[in-house]
């Protein structure tokens, strides 16, 4: 199982936004916590249904989303 398999999108869950394993915790929520320098251990304590691999999957998902072609105009 790839880490990215942990990221799910369902139109009936959080409006189709990327979530973790079908739960109502969005990838963006986890990334916002990490950006605010909340330690991973604290995130896992506050959200006991999350796993360390879920946090890593969010980071991997964000990295993949940032890797897109850039079109330059002449």
PDB file of N, CA and C in Angstrom:
ATOM      1  N   UNK A   1       0.837  -1.177   0.000  1.00  0.00           N
ATOM      2  CA  UNK A   1       0.000   0.000   0.000  1.00  0.00           C
ATOM      3  C   UNK A   1       0.883   1.242   0.000  1.00  0.00           C
ATOM      4  N   UNK A   2       0.671   2.094  -0.972  1.00  0.00           N
ATOM      5  CA  UNK A   2       1.386   3.358  -1.059  1.00  0.00           C
ATOM      6  C   UNK A   2       0.832   4.328  -0.021  1.00  0.00           C
ATOM      7  N   UNK A   3       1.660   5.221   0.463  1.00  0.00           N
ATOM      8  CA  UNK A   3       1.170   6.233   1.396  1.00  0.00           C
ATOM      9  C   UNK A   3       0.040   7.048   0.778  1.00  0.00           C
ATOM     10  N   UNK A   4       0.136   7.298  -0.510  1.00  0.00           N
ATOM     11  CA  UNK A   4      -0.904   8.100  -1.167  1.00  0.00           C
ATOM     12  C   UNK A   4      -2.252   7.393  -1.201  1.00  0.00           C
ATOM     13  N   UNK A   5      -2.266   6.077  -1.008  1.00  0.00           N
ATOM     14  CA  UNK A   5      -3.534   5.354  -0.935  1.00  0.00           C
ATOM     15  C   UNK A   5      -4.329   5.751   0.306  1.00  0.00           C
ATOM     16  N   UNK A   6      -3.659   6.371   1.275  1.00  0.00           N
ATOM     17  CA  UNK A   6      -4.333   6.829   2.491  1.00  0.00           C
ATOM     18  C   UNK A   6      -5.150   8.100   2.238  1.00  0.00           C
ATOM     19  N   UNK A   7      -4.871   8.781   1.143  1.00  0.00           N
ATOM     20  CA  UNK A   7      -5.581  10.016   0.809  1.00  0.00           C
ATOM     21  C   UNK A   7      -6.769   9.659  -0.069  1.00  0.00           C
ATOM     22  N   UNK A   8      -7.948  10.045   0.394  1.00  0.00           N
ATOM     23  CA  UNK A   8      -9.170   9.707  -0.333  1.00  0.00           C
ATOM     24  C   UNK A   8      -9.940  10.978  -0.672  1.00  0.00           C
ATOM     25  N   UNK A   9     -10.718  10.889  -1.733  1.00  0.00           N
ATOM     26  CA  UNK A   9     -11.594  11.989  -2.144  1.00  0.00           C
ATOM     27  C   UNK A   9     -12.961  11.404  -2.452  1.00  0.00           C
ATOM     28  N   UNK A  10     -13.941  11.868  -1.723  1.00  0.00           N
ATOM     29  CA  UNK A  10     -15.311  11.393  -1.871  1.00  0.00           C
ATOM     30  C   UNK A  10     -16.209  12.623  -1.874  1.00  0.00           C
ATOM     31  N   UNK A  11     -17.029  12.789  -2.903  1.00  0.00           N
ATOM     32  CA  UNK A  11     -17.880  13.983  -2.968  1.00  0.00           C
ATOM     33  C   UNK A  11     -18.804  14.128  -1.755  1.00  0.00           C
ATOM     34  N   UNK A  12     -19.039  13.046  -1.031  1.00  0.00           N
ATOM     35  CA  UNK A  12     -19.940  13.094   0.118  1.00  0.00           C
ATOM     36  C   UNK A  12     -19.212  13.312   1.444  1.00  0.00           C
ATOM     37  N   UNK A  13     -17.884  13.439   1.376  1.00  0.00           N
ATOM     38  CA  UNK A  13     -17.084  13.671   2.587  1.00  0.00           C
ATOM     39  C   UNK A  13     -16.287  14.960   2.379  1.00  0.00           C
ATOM     40  N   UNK A  14     -16.563  15.954   3.184  1.00  0.00           N
ATOM     41  CA  UNK A  14     -15.856  17.246   3.133  1.00  0.00           C
ATOM     42  C   UNK A  14     -15.877  17.863   1.735  1.00  0.00           C
ATOM     43  N   UNK A  15     -16.990  17.699   1.059  1.00  0.00           N
ATOM     44  CA  UNK A  15     -17.142  18.315  -0.264  1.00  0.00           C
ATOM     45  C   UNK A  15     -16.174  17.806  -1.309  1.00  0.00           C
ATOM     46  N   UNK A  16     -15.654  16.605  -1.117  1.00  0.00           N
ATOM     47  CA  UNK A  16     -14.742  16.021  -2.099  1.00  0.00           C
ATOM     48  C   UNK A  16     -13.289  16.437  -1.915  1.00  0.00           C
ATOM     49  N   UNK A  17     -13.016  17.216  -0.889  1.00  0.00           N
ATOM     50  CA  UNK A  17     -11.634  17.618  -0.635  1.00  0.00           C
ATOM     51  C   UNK A  17     -10.821  16.409  -0.166  1.00  0.00           C
ATOM     52  N   UNK A  18      -9.513  16.427  -0.419  1.00  0.00           N
ATOM     53  CA  UNK A  18      -8.674  15.306  -0.006  1.00  0.00           C
ATOM     54  C   UNK A  18      -8.707  15.111   1.508  1.00  0.00           C
ATOM     55  N   UNK A  19      -9.018  13.883   1.922  1.00  0.00           N
ATOM     56  CA  UNK A  19      -9.120  13.524   3.340  1.00  0.00           C
ATOM     57  C   UNK A  19      -8.236  12.319   3.617  1.00  0.00           C
ATOM     58  N   UNK A  20      -8.123  12.003   4.884  1.00  0.00           N
ATOM     59  CA  UNK A  20      -7.320  10.862   5.290  1.00  0.00           C
ATOM     60  C   UNK A  20      -8.223   9.660   5.526  1.00  0.00           C
ATOM     61  N   UNK A  21      -7.985   8.621   4.763  1.00  0.00           N
ATOM     62  CA  UNK A  21      -8.667   7.328   4.897  1.00  0.00           C
ATOM     63  C   UNK A  21     -10.178   7.457   5.034  1.00  0.00           C
ATOM     64  N   UNK A  22     -10.784   8.354   4.290  1.00  0.00           N
ATOM     65  CA  UNK A  22     -12.238   8.481   4.282  1.00  0.00           C
ATOM     66  C   UNK A  22     -12.816   9.181   5.497  1.00  0.00           C
ATOM     67  N   UNK A  23     -11.955   9.589   6.417  1.00  0.00           N
ATOM     68  CA  UNK A  23     -12.436  10.286   7.614  1.00  0.00           C
ATOM     69  C   UNK A  23     -12.638  11.761   7.284  1.00  0.00           C
ATOM     70  N   UNK A  24     -13.231  12.472   8.187  1.00  0.00           N
ATOM     71  CA  UNK A  24     -13.493  13.891   7.977  1.00  0.00           C
ATOM     72  C   UNK A  24     -12.357  14.769   8.481  1.00  0.00           C
ATOM     73  N   UNK A  25     -11.149  14.297   8.301  1.00  0.00           N
ATOM     74  CA  UNK A  25      -9.975  15.123   8.584  1.00  0.00           C
ATOM     75  C   UNK A  25      -9.283  15.359   7.252  1.00  0.00           C
ATOM     76  N   UNK A  26      -9.229  16.638   6.879  1.00  0.00           N
ATOM     77  CA  UNK A  26      -8.705  16.978   5.558  1.00  0.00           C
ATOM     78  C   UNK A  26      -7.185  17.035   5.568  1.00  0.00           C
ATOM     79  N   UNK A  27      -6.604  16.764   4.418  1.00  0.00           N
ATOM     80  CA  UNK A  27      -5.158  16.889   4.245  1.00  0.00           C
ATOM     81  C   UNK A  27      -4.737  18.304   4.632  1.00  0.00           C
ATOM     82  N   UNK A  28      -5.507  19.286   4.206  1.00  0.00           N
ATOM     83  CA  UNK A  28      -5.188  20.680   4.508  1.00  0.00           C
ATOM     84  C   UNK A  28      -5.123  20.935   6.011  1.00  0.00           C
ATOM     85  N   UNK A  29      -6.001  20.320   6.772  1.00  0.00           N
ATOM     86  CA  UNK A  29      -5.991  20.509   8.226  1.00  0.00           C
ATOM     87  C   UNK A  29      -4.668  20.038   8.822  1.00  0.00           C
ATOM     88  N   UNK A  30      -4.209  18.888   8.388  1.00  0.00           N
ATOM     89  CA  UNK A  30      -2.939  18.344   8.896  1.00  0.00           C
ATOM     90  C   UNK A  30      -1.783  19.228   8.449  1.00  0.00           C
ATOM     91  N   UNK A  31      -1.796  19.663   7.194  1.00  0.00           N
ATOM     92  CA  UNK A  31      -0.724  20.523   6.697  1.00  0.00           C
ATOM     93  C   UNK A  31      -0.709  21.862   7.425  1.00  0.00           C
ATOM     94  N   UNK A  32      -1.890  22.402   7.732  1.00  0.00           N
ATOM     95  CA  UNK A  32      -1.955  23.654   8.490  1.00  0.00           C
ATOM     96  C   UNK A  32      -1.330  23.491   9.873  1.00  0.00           C
ATOM     97  N   UNK A  33      -1.600  22.367  10.516  1.00  0.00           N
ATOM     98  CA  UNK A  33      -1.001  22.110  11.829  1.00  0.00           C
ATOM     99  C   UNK A  33       0.519  22.003  11.729  1.00  0.00           C
ATOM    100  N   UNK A  34       0.997  21.298  10.724  1.00  0.00           N
ATOM    101  CA  UNK A  34       2.440  21.175  10.541  1.00  0.00           C
ATOM    102  C   UNK A  34       3.064  22.531  10.229  1.00  0.00           C
ATOM    103  N   UNK A  35       2.397  23.333   9.411  1.00  0.00           N
ATOM    104  CA  UNK A  35       2.908  24.666   9.074  1.00  0.00           C
ATOM    105  C   UNK A  35       2.958  25.572  10.304  1.00  0.00           C
ATOM    106  N   UNK A  36       2.061  25.328  11.254  1.00  0.00           N
ATOM    107  CA  UNK A  36       2.038  26.098  12.500  1.00  0.00           C
ATOM    108  C   UNK A  36       3.034  25.540  13.517  1.00  0.00           C
ATOM    109  N   UNK A  37       3.860  24.604  13.076  1.00  0.00           N
ATOM    110  CA  UNK A  37       4.907  23.991  13.890  1.00  0.00           C
ATOM    111  C   UNK A  37       4.373  23.170  15.065  1.00  0.00           C
ATOM    112  N   UNK A  38       3.170  22.613  14.884  1.00  0.00           N
ATOM    113  CA  UNK A  38       2.649  21.695  15.890  1.00  0.00           C
ATOM    114  C   UNK A  38       3.401  20.376  15.714  1.00  0.00           C
ATOM    115  N   UNK A  39       4.016  19.873  16.757  1.00  0.00           N
ATOM    116  CA  UNK A  39       4.779  18.618  16.630  1.00  0.00           C
ATOM    117  C   UNK A  39       3.875  17.445  16.229  1.00  0.00           C
ATOM    118  N   UNK A  40       4.451  16.548  15.444  1.00  0.00           N
ATOM    119  CA  UNK A  40       3.706  15.368  14.992  1.00  0.00           C
ATOM    120  C   UNK A  40       3.123  14.600  16.172  1.00  0.00           C
ATOM    121  N   UNK A  41       3.884  14.466  17.239  1.00  0.00           N
ATOM    122  CA  UNK A  41       3.403  13.729  18.418  1.00  0.00           C
ATOM    123  C   UNK A  41       2.152  14.387  19.000  1.00  0.00           C
ATOM    124  N   UNK A  42       2.104  15.700  18.980  1.00  0.00           N
ATOM    125  CA  UNK A  42       0.931  16.410  19.503  1.00  0.00           C
ATOM    126  C   UNK A  42      -0.284  16.220  18.591  1.00  0.00           C
ATOM    127  N   UNK A  43      -0.060  16.222  17.290  1.00  0.00           N
ATOM    128  CA  UNK A  43      -1.152  15.979  16.336  1.00  0.00           C
ATOM    129  C   UNK A  43      -1.729  14.585  16.573  1.00  0.00           C
ATOM    130  N   UNK A  44      -0.852  13.608  16.724  1.00  0.00           N
ATOM    131  CA  UNK A  44      -1.304  12.233  16.938  1.00  0.00           C
ATOM    132  C   UNK A  44      -2.020  12.081  18.277  1.00  0.00           C
ATOM    133  N   UNK A  45      -1.619  12.853  19.261  1.00  0.00           N
ATOM    134  CA  UNK A  45      -2.283  12.809  20.559  1.00  0.00           C
ATOM    135  C   UNK A  45      -3.673  13.456  20.483  1.00  0.00           C
ATOM    136  N   UNK A  46      -3.753  14.575  19.762  1.00  0.00           N
ATOM    137  CA  UNK A  46      -5.033  15.289  19.641  1.00  0.00           C
ATOM    138  C   UNK A  46      -6.030  14.561  18.743  1.00  0.00           C
ATOM    139  N   UNK A  47      -5.505  13.791  17.796  1.00  0.00           N
ATOM    140  CA  UNK A  47      -6.346  13.046  16.851  1.00  0.00           C
ATOM    141  C   UNK A  47      -5.939  11.571  16.924  1.00  0.00           C
ATOM    142  N   UNK A  48      -6.400  10.854  17.940  1.00  0.00           N
ATOM    143  CA  UNK A  48      -5.917   9.488  18.180  1.00  0.00           C
ATOM    144  C   UNK A  48      -6.236   8.495  17.064  1.00  0.00           C
ATOM    145  N   UNK A  49      -7.152   8.836  16.179  1.00  0.00           N
ATOM    146  CA  UNK A  49      -7.476   7.939  15.060  1.00  0.00           C
ATOM    147  C   UNK A  49      -6.518   8.130  13.894  1.00  0.00           C
ATOM    148  N   UNK A  50      -5.636   9.125  13.969  1.00  0.00           N
ATOM    149  CA  UNK A  50      -4.608   9.294  12.939  1.00  0.00           C
ATOM    150  C   UNK A  50      -3.401   8.439  13.272  1.00  0.00           C
ATOM    151  N   UNK A  51      -2.667   8.085  12.246  1.00  0.00           N
ATOM    152  CA  UNK A  51      -1.429   7.324  12.388  1.00  0.00           C
ATOM    153  C   UNK A  51      -0.292   8.146  11.801  1.00  0.00           C
ATOM    154  N   UNK A  52       0.919   7.864  12.227  1.00  0.00           N
ATOM    155  CA  UNK A  52       2.080   8.604  11.726  1.00  0.00           C
ATOM    156  C   UNK A  52       2.152   8.539  10.198  1.00  0.00           C
ATOM    157  N   UNK A  53       1.769   7.413   9.631  1.00  0.00           N
ATOM    158  CA  UNK A  53       1.784   7.261   8.177  1.00  0.00           C
ATOM    159  C   UNK A  53       0.790   8.212   7.502  1.00  0.00           C
ATOM    160  N   UNK A  54      -0.284   8.566   8.194  1.00  0.00           N
ATOM    161  CA  UNK A  54      -1.252   9.513   7.643  1.00  0.00           C
ATOM    162  C   UNK A  54      -0.617  10.889   7.476  1.00  0.00           C
ATOM    163  N   UNK A  55       0.162  11.287   8.463  1.00  0.00           N
ATOM    164  CA  UNK A  55       0.830  12.590   8.386  1.00  0.00           C
ATOM    165  C   UNK A  55       1.837  12.589   7.251  1.00  0.00           C
ATOM    166  N   UNK A  56       2.597  11.513   7.133  1.00  0.00           N
ATOM    167  CA  UNK A  56       3.563  11.406   6.041  1.00  0.00           C
ATOM    168  C   UNK A  56       2.842  11.415   4.689  1.00  0.00           C
ATOM    169  N   UNK A  57       1.691  10.771   4.616  1.00  0.00           N
ATOM    170  CA  UNK A  57       0.918  10.748   3.371  1.00  0.00           C
ATOM    171  C   UNK A  57       0.479  12.154   2.987  1.00  0.00           C
ATOM    172  N   UNK A  58       0.106  12.969   3.965  1.00  0.00           N
ATOM    173  CA  UNK A  58      -0.298  14.355   3.684  1.00  0.00           C
ATOM    174  C   UNK A  58       0.863  15.142   3.089  1.00  0.00           C
ATOM    175  N   UNK A  59       2.043  14.948   3.656  1.00  0.00           N
ATOM    176  CA  UNK A  59       3.226  15.645   3.146  1.00  0.00           C
ATOM    177  C   UNK A  59       3.539  15.182   1.724  1.00  0.00           C
ATOM    178  N   UNK A  60       3.472  13.871   1.509  1.00  0.00           N
ATOM    179  CA  UNK A  60       3.743  13.327   0.174  1.00  0.00           C
ATOM    180  C   UNK A  60       2.711  13.832  -0.833  1.00  0.00           C
ATOM    181  N   UNK A  61       1.452  13.894  -0.424  1.00  0.00           N
ATOM    182  CA  UNK A  61       0.383  14.388  -1.299  1.00  0.00           C
ATOM    183  C   UNK A  61       0.651  15.851  -1.673  1.00  0.00           C
ATOM    184  N   UNK A  62       1.005  16.668  -0.695  1.00  0.00           N
ATOM    185  CA  UNK A  62       1.277  18.081  -0.954  1.00  0.00           C
ATOM    186  C   UNK A  62       2.454  18.242  -1.911  1.00  0.00           C
ATOM    187  N   UNK A  63       3.488  17.440  -1.727  1.00  0.00           N
ATOM    188  CA  UNK A  63       4.650  17.503  -2.608  1.00  0.00           C
ATOM    189  C   UNK A  63       4.271  17.136  -4.032  1.00  0.00           C
ATOM    190  N   UNK A  64       3.436  16.120  -4.181  1.00  0.00           N
ATOM    191  CA  UNK A  64       2.996  15.704  -5.521  1.00  0.00           C
ATOM    192  C   UNK A  64       2.153  16.794  -6.175  1.00  0.00           C
ATOM    193  N   UNK A  65       1.323  17.475  -5.396  1.00  0.00           N
ATOM    194  CA  UNK A  65       0.480  18.540  -5.940  1.00  0.00           C
ATOM    195  C   UNK A  65       1.315  19.739  -6.383  1.00  0.00           C
ATOM    196  N   UNK A  66       2.426  19.972  -5.713  1.00  0.00           N
ATOM    197  CA  UNK A  66       3.284  21.104  -6.052  1.00  0.00           C
ATOM    198  C   UNK A  66       4.147  20.825  -7.277  1.00  0.00           C
ATOM    199  N   UNK A  67       4.230  19.578  -7.693  1.00  0.00           N
ATOM    200  CA  UNK A  67       5.067  19.194  -8.828  1.00  0.00           C
ATOM    201  C   UNK A  67       4.226  19.133 -10.091  1.00  0.00           C
ATOM    202  N   UNK A  68       4.043  20.299 -10.687  1.00  0.00           N
ATOM    203  CA  UNK A  68       3.273  20.363 -11.915  1.00  0.00           C
ATOM    204  C   UNK A  68       4.045  21.170 -12.955  1.00  0.00           C
ATOM    205  N   UNK A  69       3.746  20.955 -14.224  1.00  0.00           N
ATOM    206  CA  UNK A  69       4.485  21.692 -15.261  1.00  0.00           C
ATOM    207  C   UNK A  69       4.205  23.191 -15.174  1.00  0.00           C
ATOM    208  N   UNK A  70       5.200  23.957 -15.477  1.00  0.00           N
ATOM    209  CA  UNK A  70       5.065  25.415 -15.529  1.00  0.00           C
ATOM    210  C   UNK A  70       5.178  25.834 -16.986  1.00  0.00           C
ATOM    211  N   UNK A  71       4.170  26.533 -17.459  1.00  0.00           N
ATOM    212  CA  UNK A  71       4.174  27.003 -18.839  1.00  0.00           C
ATOM    213  C   UNK A  71       4.711  28.423 -18.869  1.00  0.00           C
ATOM    214  N   UNK A  72       5.718  28.614 -19.648  1.00  0.00           N
ATOM    215  CA  UNK A  72       6.321  29.938 -19.788  1.00  0.00           C
ATOM    216  C   UNK A  72       5.892  30.540 -21.114  1.00  0.00           C
ATOM    217  N   UNK A  73       5.521  31.789 -21.089  1.00  0.00           N
ATOM    218  CA  UNK A  73       5.157  32.450 -22.337  1.00  0.00           C
ATOM    219  C   UNK A  73       6.362  33.216 -22.864  1.00  0.00           C
ATOM    220  N   UNK A  74       6.464  33.229 -24.153  1.00  0.00           N
ATOM    221  CA  UNK A  74       7.630  33.879 -24.774  1.00  0.00           C
ATOM    222  C   UNK A  74       7.394  35.345 -24.997  1.00  0.00           C
TER     223      UNK A  74
END
